[in-house]
Amino acid sequence: MEKIEQHFANAVKYHRKRLGISQEVFAQKAGIHRTYASSIERGRVQVSIAIASQLAEALEIPLSKLFQDVERFAKGELSTEFRDELACDPLIPDR
């Protein structure tokens, strides 16, 4: 069973890729260091609610959506092969 940090990592990476931005741009938008963003996306750290909120804002989604997708990864409803989900996720507005 994967740890929650990995599901959180996958959800963050999913939404960053949806935006089509680099980790560096994402980190700048979130107000965190690039290496911290990398650690988050690799599931190496536990983030506070305050940081999770900054990440969601940088990802242009509500915090509740970020946590919903963490749950979807945990249930296997989303995979780390993001291409298909990115194309057809009804909860994500067209960009």
C-alpha atoms as a PDB file:
ATOM      1  CA  MET A   1       0.000   0.000   0.000  1.00  0.00           C
ATOM      2  CA  GLU A   2       1.357   3.391  -0.991  1.00  0.00           C
ATOM      3  CA  LYS A   3       1.729   6.120   1.574  1.00  0.00           C
ATOM      4  CA  ILE A   4      -0.511   9.163   1.482  1.00  0.00           C
ATOM      5  CA  GLU A   5       2.510  11.322   0.616  1.00  0.00           C
ATOM      6  CA  GLN A   6       2.838   9.480  -2.692  1.00  0.00           C
ATOM      7  CA  HIS A   7      -0.826   9.991  -3.545  1.00  0.00           C
ATOM      8  CA  PHE A   8      -0.465  13.675  -2.674  1.00  0.00           C
ATOM      9  CA  ALA A   9       2.662  13.822  -4.844  1.00  0.00           C
ATOM     10  CA  ASN A  10       0.813  12.270  -7.763  1.00  0.00           C
ATOM     11  CA  ALA A  11      -2.093  14.712  -7.431  1.00  0.00           C
ATOM     12  CA  VAL A  12       0.243  17.718  -7.362  1.00  0.00           C
ATOM     13  CA  LYS A  13       2.196  16.474 -10.372  1.00  0.00           C
ATOM     14  CA  TYR A  14      -1.060  15.675 -12.203  1.00  0.00           C
ATOM     15  CA  HIS A  15      -2.282  19.249 -11.868  1.00  0.00           C
ATOM     16  CA  ARG A  16       1.112  20.814 -12.609  1.00  0.00           C
ATOM     17  CA  LYS A  17       1.273  18.846 -15.848  1.00  0.00           C
ATOM     18  CA  ARG A  18      -2.311  19.862 -16.611  1.00  0.00           C
ATOM     19  CA  LEU A  19      -1.161  23.475 -16.460  1.00  0.00           C
ATOM     20  CA  GLY A  20       1.842  22.652 -18.617  1.00  0.00           C
ATOM     21  CA  ILE A  21       4.307  24.379 -16.308  1.00  0.00           C
ATOM     22  CA  SER A  22       7.751  23.361 -15.090  1.00  0.00           C
ATOM     23  CA  GLN A  23       8.533  22.560 -11.473  1.00  0.00           C
ATOM     24  CA  GLU A  24      10.477  25.804 -11.321  1.00  0.00           C
ATOM     25  CA  VAL A  25       7.516  27.913 -12.475  1.00  0.00           C
ATOM     26  CA  PHE A  26       5.210  25.952 -10.178  1.00  0.00           C
ATOM     27  CA  ALA A  27       7.524  26.541  -7.204  1.00  0.00           C
ATOM     28  CA  GLN A  28       7.644  30.272  -7.944  1.00  0.00           C
ATOM     29  CA  LYS A  29       3.848  30.449  -8.162  1.00  0.00           C
ATOM     30  CA  ALA A  30       3.517  28.536  -4.883  1.00  0.00           C
ATOM     31  CA  GLY A  31       6.163  30.592  -3.098  1.00  0.00           C
ATOM     32  CA  ILE A  32       8.359  27.591  -2.303  1.00  0.00           C
ATOM     33  CA  HIS A  33      11.864  26.518  -3.304  1.00  0.00           C
ATOM     34  CA  ARG A  34      12.205  24.410  -6.461  1.00  0.00           C
ATOM     35  CA  THR A  35      13.887  21.571  -4.569  1.00  0.00           C
ATOM     36  CA  TYR A  36      10.998  21.521  -2.087  1.00  0.00           C
ATOM     37  CA  ALA A  37       8.541  21.288  -4.996  1.00  0.00           C
ATOM     38  CA  SER A  38      10.572  18.371  -6.331  1.00  0.00           C
ATOM     39  CA  SER A  39      10.517  16.656  -2.926  1.00  0.00           C
ATOM     40  CA  ILE A  40       6.738  17.112  -2.766  1.00  0.00           C
ATOM     41  CA  GLU A  41       6.273  15.586  -6.228  1.00  0.00           C
ATOM     42  CA  ARG A  42       8.427  12.619  -5.267  1.00  0.00           C
ATOM     43  CA  GLY A  43       6.422  11.993  -2.082  1.00  0.00           C
ATOM     44  CA  ARG A  44       9.455  12.608   0.133  1.00  0.00           C
ATOM     45  CA  VAL A  45       7.880  15.171   2.476  1.00  0.00           C
ATOM     46  CA  GLN A  46       4.727  15.779   4.448  1.00  0.00           C
ATOM     47  CA  VAL A  47       3.277  19.213   3.824  1.00  0.00           C
ATOM     48  CA  SER A  48       1.286  21.412   6.168  1.00  0.00           C
ATOM     49  CA  ILE A  49      -2.231  22.544   5.383  1.00  0.00           C
ATOM     50  CA  ALA A  50      -0.831  26.034   4.750  1.00  0.00           C
ATOM     51  CA  ILE A  51       1.595  24.709   2.119  1.00  0.00           C
ATOM     52  CA  ALA A  52      -1.118  22.503   0.606  1.00  0.00           C
ATOM     53  CA  SER A  53      -3.261  25.622   0.261  1.00  0.00           C
ATOM     54  CA  GLN A  54      -0.413  27.493  -1.482  1.00  0.00           C
ATOM     55  CA  LEU A  55       0.078  24.536  -3.824  1.00  0.00           C
ATOM     56  CA  ALA A  56      -3.608  24.409  -4.707  1.00  0.00           C
ATOM     57  CA  GLU A  57      -3.633  28.138  -5.427  1.00  0.00           C
ATOM     58  CA  ALA A  58      -0.565  27.779  -7.657  1.00  0.00           C
ATOM     59  CA  LEU A  59      -2.293  24.868  -9.416  1.00  0.00           C
ATOM     60  CA  GLU A  60      -5.386  27.038  -9.925  1.00  0.00           C
ATOM     61  CA  ILE A  61      -7.717  24.614  -8.151  1.00  0.00           C
ATOM     62  CA  PRO A  62      -9.590  24.660  -4.854  1.00  0.00           C
ATOM     63  CA  LEU A  63      -7.820  22.908  -1.986  1.00  0.00           C
ATOM     64  CA  SER A  64     -10.780  20.531  -1.808  1.00  0.00           C
ATOM     65  CA  LYS A  65     -10.127  19.447  -5.423  1.00  0.00           C
ATOM     66  CA  LEU A  66      -6.495  18.714  -4.623  1.00  0.00           C
ATOM     67  CA  PHE A  67      -7.523  16.498  -1.703  1.00  0.00           C
ATOM     68  CA  GLN A  68     -10.262  14.882  -3.800  1.00  0.00           C
ATOM     69  CA  ASP A  69      -7.647  13.865  -6.348  1.00  0.00           C
ATOM     70  CA  VAL A  70      -5.355  12.544  -3.612  1.00  0.00           C
ATOM     71  CA  GLU A  71      -8.250  10.265  -2.724  1.00  0.00           C
ATOM     72  CA  ARG A  72      -8.793   9.330  -6.377  1.00  0.00           C
ATOM     73  CA  PHE A  73      -5.129   8.279  -6.660  1.00  0.00           C
ATOM     74  CA  ALA A  74      -5.440   6.269  -3.431  1.00  0.00           C
ATOM     75  CA  LYS A  75      -8.486   4.440  -4.822  1.00  0.00           C
ATOM     76  CA  GLY A  76      -6.786   3.804  -8.156  1.00  0.00           C
ATOM     77  CA  GLU A  77      -9.249   5.988 -10.058  1.00  0.00           C
ATOM     78  CA  LEU A  78      -6.344   8.030 -11.447  1.00  0.00           C
ATOM     79  CA  SER A  79      -3.046   6.627 -12.571  1.00  0.00           C
ATOM     80  CA  THR A  80       0.384   8.110 -12.916  1.00  0.00           C
ATOM     81  CA  GLU A  81      -0.140   7.889 -16.688  1.00  0.00           C
ATOM     82  CA  PHE A  82      -1.806  11.296 -16.750  1.00  0.00           C
ATOM     83  CA  ARG A  83      -2.503  11.714 -20.448  1.00  0.00           C
ATOM     84  CA  ASP A  84      -5.966  10.133 -20.551  1.00  0.00           C
ATOM     85  CA  GLU A  85      -7.190  11.642 -17.296  1.00  0.00           C
ATOM     86  CA  LEU A  86      -6.007  15.110 -18.283  1.00  0.00           C
ATOM     87  CA  ALA A  87      -7.960  14.916 -21.514  1.00  0.00           C
ATOM     88  CA  CYS A  88     -11.287  13.886 -20.011  1.00  0.00           C
ATOM     89  CA  ASP A  89     -11.493  15.039 -16.378  1.00  0.00           C
ATOM     90  CA  PRO A  90     -14.915  16.754 -16.156  1.00  0.00           C
ATOM     91  CA  LEU A  91     -13.897  18.554 -12.961  1.00  0.00           C
ATOM     92  CA  ILE A  92     -11.121  20.481 -14.681  1.00  0.00           C
ATOM     93  CA  PRO A  93     -12.123  23.478 -16.797  1.00  0.00           C
ATOM     94  CA  ASP A  94     -10.753  23.602 -20.338  1.00  0.00           C
ATOM     95  CA  ARG A  95      -7.573  25.627 -20.614  1.00  0.00           C
END
